[in-house]
Structure formats: structure tokens, C-alpha cells
Amino acid sequence: MNVGKQIRTIRESKGISQSWLAKNAGISQPALCQIERGTKNPSLQIGAELARLLDCTVEDLLAEE
């Protein structure tokens, strides 16, 4: 399961920039980049906030391709 890949896929499909998403989620852009690359996992709170901003569920972020 690659949460970061799902975040990137959903973010890009909605035309949301990485910098906008990071800023509004309260994390740095480099931190979001690490999450999307899979080198860092988001906390449950950050995952929930990313899901809210991406207008999806946490389960959508955890979905297998």
C-alpha cells in the first residue's frame, strides 16, 4: 500500500498543486514531497487533513490500485 502515491494521484487528478496542499494541510512542501515519494508516512491527523482537502476519505488514500 502506497499512501503517498494515492495522495499524488488524487491531488493531480484534481489539479491541486503540491505547495497549495502542503500549506493548507499545515506541513512543509518538502514534507509532502517525502510523503508522496513514500519515504515518510503521514500521521493520522495529517492523513485526515489531506483527505479533507482532497475531498476524499482516508480510506481512499489507503486504497490499493
C-alpha atoms as a PDB file:
ATOM      1  CA  MET A   1       0.000   0.000   0.000  1.00  0.00           C
ATOM      2  CA  ASN A   2       1.463   3.313  -1.017  1.00  0.00           C
ATOM      3  CA  VAL A   3      -0.424   6.155   0.634  1.00  0.00           C
ATOM      4  CA  GLY A   4       1.854   8.736  -0.945  1.00  0.00           C
ATOM      5  CA  LYS A   5       1.175   7.521  -4.452  1.00  0.00           C
ATOM      6  CA  GLN A   6      -2.568   7.686  -3.808  1.00  0.00           C
ATOM      7  CA  ILE A   7      -2.241  11.229  -2.433  1.00  0.00           C
ATOM      8  CA  ARG A   8      -0.287  12.304  -5.511  1.00  0.00           C
ATOM      9  CA  THR A   9      -2.719  10.612  -7.914  1.00  0.00           C
ATOM     10  CA  ILE A  10      -5.781  12.213  -6.302  1.00  0.00           C
ATOM     11  CA  ARG A  11      -4.066  15.601  -5.956  1.00  0.00           C
ATOM     12  CA  GLU A  12      -3.027  15.672  -9.598  1.00  0.00           C
ATOM     13  CA  SER A  13      -6.442  14.477 -10.811  1.00  0.00           C
ATOM     14  CA  LYS A  14      -7.998  17.461  -9.035  1.00  0.00           C
ATOM     15  CA  GLY A  15      -5.439  19.938 -10.360  1.00  0.00           C
ATOM     16  CA  ILE A  16      -4.137  20.823  -6.895  1.00  0.00           C
ATOM     17  CA  SER A  17      -0.523  21.916  -6.532  1.00  0.00           C
ATOM     18  CA  GLN A  18       1.781  20.288  -4.029  1.00  0.00           C
ATOM     19  CA  SER A  19       2.608  23.650  -2.462  1.00  0.00           C
ATOM     20  CA  TRP A  20      -1.083  24.583  -2.007  1.00  0.00           C
ATOM     21  CA  LEU A  21      -1.920  21.231  -0.434  1.00  0.00           C
ATOM     22  CA  ALA A  22       1.071  21.328   1.906  1.00  0.00           C
ATOM     23  CA  LYS A  23       0.371  24.911   3.012  1.00  0.00           C
ATOM     24  CA  ASN A  24      -3.298  24.224   3.717  1.00  0.00           C
ATOM     25  CA  ALA A  25      -2.532  20.946   5.492  1.00  0.00           C
ATOM     26  CA  GLY A  26      -0.096  22.749   7.790  1.00  0.00           C
ATOM     27  CA  ILE A  27       3.003  20.900   6.632  1.00  0.00           C
ATOM     28  CA  SER A  28       6.004  21.931   4.572  1.00  0.00           C
ATOM     29  CA  GLN A  29       6.175  21.266   0.851  1.00  0.00           C
ATOM     30  CA  PRO A  30       9.300  19.096   1.326  1.00  0.00           C
ATOM     31  CA  ALA A  31       7.397  17.012   3.907  1.00  0.00           C
ATOM     32  CA  LEU A  32       4.533  16.464   1.444  1.00  0.00           C
ATOM     33  CA  CYS A  33       7.078  15.546  -1.226  1.00  0.00           C
ATOM     34  CA  GLN A  34       8.537  12.902   1.107  1.00  0.00           C
ATOM     35  CA  ILE A  35       5.044  11.544   1.789  1.00  0.00           C
ATOM     36  CA  GLU A  36       4.234  11.363  -1.925  1.00  0.00           C
ATOM     37  CA  ARG A  37       7.549   9.626  -2.673  1.00  0.00           C
ATOM     38  CA  GLY A  38       6.867   7.100   0.073  1.00  0.00           C
ATOM     39  CA  THR A  39       9.915   7.939   2.175  1.00  0.00           C
ATOM     40  CA  LYS A  40       7.741   9.261   5.013  1.00  0.00           C
ATOM     41  CA  ASN A  41       4.278   8.239   6.206  1.00  0.00           C
ATOM     42  CA  PRO A  42       1.761  10.888   7.248  1.00  0.00           C
ATOM     43  CA  SER A  43       0.398  10.880  10.778  1.00  0.00           C
ATOM     44  CA  LEU A  44      -3.265  10.009  11.135  1.00  0.00           C
ATOM     45  CA  GLN A  45      -4.064  13.696  11.730  1.00  0.00           C
ATOM     46  CA  ILE A  46      -2.198  14.818   8.609  1.00  0.00           C
ATOM     47  CA  GLY A  47      -3.739  11.993   6.585  1.00  0.00           C
ATOM     48  CA  ALA A  48      -7.209  13.054   7.684  1.00  0.00           C
ATOM     49  CA  GLU A  49      -6.472  16.682   6.832  1.00  0.00           C
ATOM     50  CA  LEU A  50      -5.087  15.741   3.412  1.00  0.00           C
ATOM     51  CA  ALA A  51      -8.207  13.665   2.741  1.00  0.00           C
ATOM     52  CA  ARG A  52     -10.423  16.601   3.735  1.00  0.00           C
ATOM     53  CA  LEU A  53      -8.532  18.993   1.467  1.00  0.00           C
ATOM     54  CA  LEU A  54      -8.608  16.485  -1.400  1.00  0.00           C
ATOM     55  CA  ASP A  55     -12.348  15.919  -0.841  1.00  0.00           C
ATOM     56  CA  CYS A  56     -11.934  12.191  -0.364  1.00  0.00           C
ATOM     57  CA  THR A  57     -11.897   9.738   2.527  1.00  0.00           C
ATOM     58  CA  VAL A  58      -8.909   8.406   4.434  1.00  0.00           C
ATOM     59  CA  GLU A  59      -9.916   5.016   3.022  1.00  0.00           C
ATOM     60  CA  ASP A  60      -9.433   6.443  -0.496  1.00  0.00           C
ATOM     61  CA  LEU A  61      -5.858   7.326   0.472  1.00  0.00           C
ATOM     62  CA  LEU A  62      -5.277   3.783   1.714  1.00  0.00           C
ATOM     63  CA  ALA A  63      -6.826   2.089  -1.342  1.00  0.00           C
ATOM     64  CA  GLU A  64      -4.748  -0.302  -3.388  1.00  0.00           C
ATOM     65  CA  GLU A  65      -4.514   0.495  -7.062  1.00  0.00           C
END
